[in-house]
C-alpha cells in the first residue's frame, strides 16, 4: 500500500482549478464537494483567498445547471 501524498497549497489550488475547468452538469456535485474538501484543508486565509474565484465559479455552475434542470421538469401550459 502506497502512502498518501500530502498536497502543498499550490497543488491544492491547481486541483481546484482543474475541477473548475473540467466540471460538467453530471459531475458538478462531486467536483464541488472535492473542491470544498481541498479548500477546508488549506491552512491560511491567503491560500483560501486564491481559490475564491474557482469556488464561486463552481457554485455558480451548480446553481445555473440546477435551475436549468428545474425548468426542464416543469410542465408547459
N, C-alpha and C. Protein backbone atom coordinates (compact mmCIF):
# COMPACT_ATOMS: atom_id res chain seq x y z
N UNK A 1 0.85 -1.18 0.00
CA UNK A 1 0.00 0.00 0.00
C UNK A 1 0.89 1.24 0.00
N UNK A 2 0.62 2.16 -0.92
CA UNK A 2 1.43 3.37 -1.00
C UNK A 2 0.88 4.44 -0.07
N UNK A 3 1.74 5.19 0.57
CA UNK A 3 1.28 6.25 1.46
C UNK A 3 0.67 7.40 0.66
N UNK A 4 -0.30 8.07 1.27
CA UNK A 4 -0.92 9.22 0.62
C UNK A 4 0.04 10.40 0.67
N UNK A 5 0.09 11.12 -0.43
CA UNK A 5 0.96 12.28 -0.51
C UNK A 5 0.21 13.51 0.00
N UNK A 6 0.82 14.26 0.87
CA UNK A 6 0.23 15.50 1.34
C UNK A 6 0.44 16.56 0.27
N UNK A 7 -0.63 17.21 -0.12
CA UNK A 7 -0.54 18.22 -1.17
C UNK A 7 -0.12 19.57 -0.60
N UNK A 8 0.65 20.29 -1.37
CA UNK A 8 1.01 21.66 -1.00
C UNK A 8 -0.16 22.57 -1.33
N UNK A 9 -0.11 23.79 -0.86
CA UNK A 9 -1.17 24.76 -1.14
C UNK A 9 -1.29 24.99 -2.65
N UNK A 10 -0.17 25.05 -3.34
CA UNK A 10 -0.21 25.25 -4.80
C UNK A 10 -0.83 24.06 -5.51
N UNK A 11 -0.56 22.85 -5.03
CA UNK A 11 -1.15 21.65 -5.63
C UNK A 11 -2.66 21.60 -5.38
N UNK A 12 -3.07 22.01 -4.19
CA UNK A 12 -4.50 22.06 -3.88
C UNK A 12 -5.20 23.07 -4.78
N UNK A 13 -4.60 24.23 -4.95
CA UNK A 13 -5.17 25.25 -5.82
C UNK A 13 -5.25 24.74 -7.26
N UNK A 14 -4.22 24.07 -7.71
CA UNK A 14 -4.20 23.52 -9.07
C UNK A 14 -5.31 22.48 -9.25
N UNK A 15 -5.56 21.67 -8.23
CA UNK A 15 -6.63 20.67 -8.30
C UNK A 15 -8.00 21.35 -8.34
N UNK A 16 -8.21 22.38 -7.53
CA UNK A 16 -9.47 23.13 -7.56
C UNK A 16 -9.66 23.75 -8.94
N UNK A 17 -8.61 24.31 -9.49
CA UNK A 17 -8.66 24.92 -10.82
C UNK A 17 -9.02 23.87 -11.87
N UNK A 18 -8.42 22.70 -11.77
CA UNK A 18 -8.70 21.60 -12.70
C UNK A 18 -10.17 21.18 -12.60
N UNK A 19 -10.67 21.07 -11.36
CA UNK A 19 -12.07 20.72 -11.16
C UNK A 19 -12.99 21.76 -11.80
N UNK A 20 -12.63 23.02 -11.65
CA UNK A 20 -13.41 24.12 -12.22
C UNK A 20 -13.51 23.99 -13.75
N UNK A 21 -12.39 23.79 -14.41
CA UNK A 21 -12.38 23.75 -15.86
C UNK A 21 -12.94 22.46 -16.45
N UNK A 22 -12.97 21.39 -15.68
CA UNK A 22 -13.46 20.11 -16.21
C UNK A 22 -14.86 19.76 -15.70
N UNK A 23 -15.46 20.61 -14.91
CA UNK A 23 -16.79 20.33 -14.36
C UNK A 23 -17.82 20.24 -15.47
N UNK A 24 -18.73 19.30 -15.30
CA UNK A 24 -19.85 19.16 -16.22
C UNK A 24 -21.12 19.12 -15.39
N UNK A 25 -22.25 19.21 -16.06
CA UNK A 25 -23.54 19.14 -15.36
C UNK A 25 -23.65 17.84 -14.57
N UNK A 26 -23.12 16.78 -15.09
CA UNK A 26 -23.18 15.47 -14.44
C UNK A 26 -22.23 15.35 -13.24
N UNK A 27 -21.10 16.05 -13.28
CA UNK A 27 -20.08 15.88 -12.24
C UNK A 27 -20.03 17.01 -11.22
N UNK A 28 -20.84 18.06 -11.39
CA UNK A 28 -20.66 19.27 -10.59
C UNK A 28 -20.77 19.03 -9.09
N UNK A 29 -21.69 18.20 -8.65
CA UNK A 29 -21.83 17.97 -7.21
C UNK A 29 -20.58 17.34 -6.61
N UNK A 30 -20.06 16.32 -7.25
CA UNK A 30 -18.84 15.68 -6.76
C UNK A 30 -17.65 16.62 -6.86
N UNK A 31 -17.58 17.37 -7.95
CA UNK A 31 -16.47 18.32 -8.13
C UNK A 31 -16.49 19.39 -7.04
N UNK A 32 -17.67 19.92 -6.76
CA UNK A 32 -17.78 20.96 -5.74
C UNK A 32 -17.46 20.40 -4.35
N UNK A 33 -17.92 19.19 -4.07
CA UNK A 33 -17.61 18.56 -2.77
C UNK A 33 -16.10 18.36 -2.62
N UNK A 34 -15.45 17.89 -3.66
CA UNK A 34 -13.99 17.69 -3.63
C UNK A 34 -13.27 19.02 -3.44
N UNK A 35 -13.72 20.05 -4.17
CA UNK A 35 -13.10 21.38 -4.05
C UNK A 35 -13.28 21.94 -2.64
N UNK A 36 -14.46 21.72 -2.04
CA UNK A 36 -14.68 22.19 -0.67
C UNK A 36 -13.76 21.49 0.33
N UNK A 37 -13.57 20.18 0.13
CA UNK A 37 -12.65 19.44 0.99
C UNK A 37 -11.23 20.01 0.88
N UNK A 38 -10.81 20.29 -0.34
CA UNK A 38 -9.48 20.86 -0.54
C UNK A 38 -9.39 22.25 0.09
N UNK A 39 -10.43 23.04 -0.07
CA UNK A 39 -10.44 24.39 0.50
C UNK A 39 -10.35 24.33 2.02
N UNK A 40 -11.09 23.43 2.64
CA UNK A 40 -11.07 23.28 4.10
C UNK A 40 -9.69 22.85 4.61
N UNK A 41 -8.95 22.15 3.77
CA UNK A 41 -7.64 21.66 4.21
C UNK A 41 -6.54 22.71 4.07
N UNK A 42 -6.87 23.84 3.44
CA UNK A 42 -5.88 24.92 3.32
C UNK A 42 -5.72 25.60 4.67
N UNK A 43 -4.49 25.96 5.01
CA UNK A 43 -4.19 26.42 6.36
C UNK A 43 -4.34 27.92 6.59
N UNK A 44 -4.24 28.71 5.56
CA UNK A 44 -4.30 30.16 5.80
C UNK A 44 -5.39 30.82 4.95
N UNK A 45 -5.81 31.98 5.40
CA UNK A 45 -6.78 32.77 4.65
C UNK A 45 -6.23 33.15 3.28
N UNK A 46 -4.95 33.43 3.23
CA UNK A 46 -4.31 33.79 1.96
C UNK A 46 -4.45 32.66 0.93
N UNK A 47 -4.20 31.43 1.38
CA UNK A 47 -4.33 30.28 0.49
C UNK A 47 -5.77 30.14 0.02
N UNK A 48 -6.73 30.27 0.94
CA UNK A 48 -8.14 30.14 0.58
C UNK A 48 -8.59 31.26 -0.34
N UNK A 49 -8.07 32.46 -0.14
CA UNK A 49 -8.45 33.60 -0.98
C UNK A 49 -8.06 33.36 -2.45
N UNK A 50 -6.96 32.68 -2.66
CA UNK A 50 -6.51 32.40 -4.03
C UNK A 50 -7.47 31.47 -4.75
N UNK A 51 -8.22 30.66 -4.00
CA UNK A 51 -9.15 29.70 -4.60
C UNK A 51 -10.56 30.27 -4.76
N UNK A 52 -10.80 31.47 -4.25
CA UNK A 52 -12.14 32.04 -4.22
C UNK A 52 -12.80 32.09 -5.58
N UNK A 53 -12.11 32.57 -6.59
CA UNK A 53 -12.73 32.71 -7.91
C UNK A 53 -13.18 31.36 -8.47
N UNK A 54 -12.42 30.32 -8.25
CA UNK A 54 -12.80 28.99 -8.74
C UNK A 54 -13.99 28.43 -7.94
N UNK A 55 -13.98 28.65 -6.62
CA UNK A 55 -15.06 28.17 -5.78
C UNK A 55 -16.37 28.88 -6.14
N UNK A 56 -16.31 30.18 -6.35
CA UNK A 56 -17.51 30.92 -6.73
C UNK A 56 -18.00 30.45 -8.10
N UNK A 57 -17.08 30.18 -9.00
CA UNK A 57 -17.45 29.69 -10.32
C UNK A 57 -18.13 28.33 -10.26
N UNK A 58 -17.60 27.43 -9.44
CA UNK A 58 -18.21 26.11 -9.28
C UNK A 58 -19.61 26.23 -8.70
N UNK A 59 -19.76 27.08 -7.69
CA UNK A 59 -21.07 27.28 -7.07
C UNK A 59 -22.06 27.86 -8.08
N UNK A 60 -21.61 28.77 -8.90
CA UNK A 60 -22.48 29.38 -9.91
C UNK A 60 -22.90 28.36 -10.97
N UNK A 61 -21.96 27.53 -11.38
CA UNK A 61 -22.30 26.47 -12.35
C UNK A 61 -23.35 25.53 -11.77
N UNK A 62 -23.16 25.13 -10.52
CA UNK A 62 -24.13 24.24 -9.88
C UNK A 62 -25.51 24.89 -9.85
N UNK A 63 -25.55 26.15 -9.48
CA UNK A 63 -26.81 26.89 -9.41
C UNK A 63 -27.47 27.00 -10.79
N UNK A 64 -26.70 27.36 -11.79
CA UNK A 64 -27.24 27.51 -13.15
C UNK A 64 -27.78 26.19 -13.67
N UNK A 65 -27.01 25.12 -13.50
CA UNK A 65 -27.44 23.82 -14.00
C UNK A 65 -28.65 23.29 -13.23
N UNK A 66 -28.73 23.57 -11.94
CA UNK A 66 -29.90 23.15 -11.16
C UNK A 66 -31.14 23.90 -11.65
N UNK A 67 -30.98 25.18 -11.93
CA UNK A 67 -32.09 25.99 -12.42
C UNK A 67 -32.56 25.47 -13.79
N UNK A 68 -31.63 25.11 -14.64
CA UNK A 68 -31.98 24.57 -15.96
C UNK A 68 -32.75 23.25 -15.81
N UNK A 69 -32.33 22.42 -14.87
CA UNK A 69 -33.00 21.14 -14.65
C UNK A 69 -34.42 21.35 -14.15
N UNK A 70 -34.61 22.33 -13.27
CA UNK A 70 -35.95 22.63 -12.76
C UNK A 70 -36.86 23.11 -13.88
N UNK A 71 -36.34 23.96 -14.76
CA UNK A 71 -37.14 24.46 -15.88
C UNK A 71 -37.54 23.32 -16.81
N UNK A 72 -36.63 22.39 -17.03
CA UNK A 72 -36.91 21.28 -17.93
C UNK A 72 -37.99 20.35 -17.34
N UNK A 73 -38.09 20.28 -16.02
CA UNK A 73 -39.07 19.39 -15.38
C UNK A 73 -40.45 20.01 -15.32
N UNK A 74 -40.56 21.33 -15.40
CA UNK A 74 -41.86 21.99 -15.32
C UNK A 74 -42.71 21.70 -16.55
N UNK A 75 -43.99 21.39 -16.32
CA UNK A 75 -44.86 21.19 -17.47
C UNK A 75 -45.17 22.53 -18.15
N UNK A 76 -45.25 22.50 -19.45
CA UNK A 76 -45.55 23.72 -20.20
C UNK A 76 -47.05 23.81 -20.40
N UNK A 77 -47.57 24.99 -20.30
CA UNK A 77 -49.01 25.21 -20.49
C UNK A 77 -49.31 25.70 -21.87
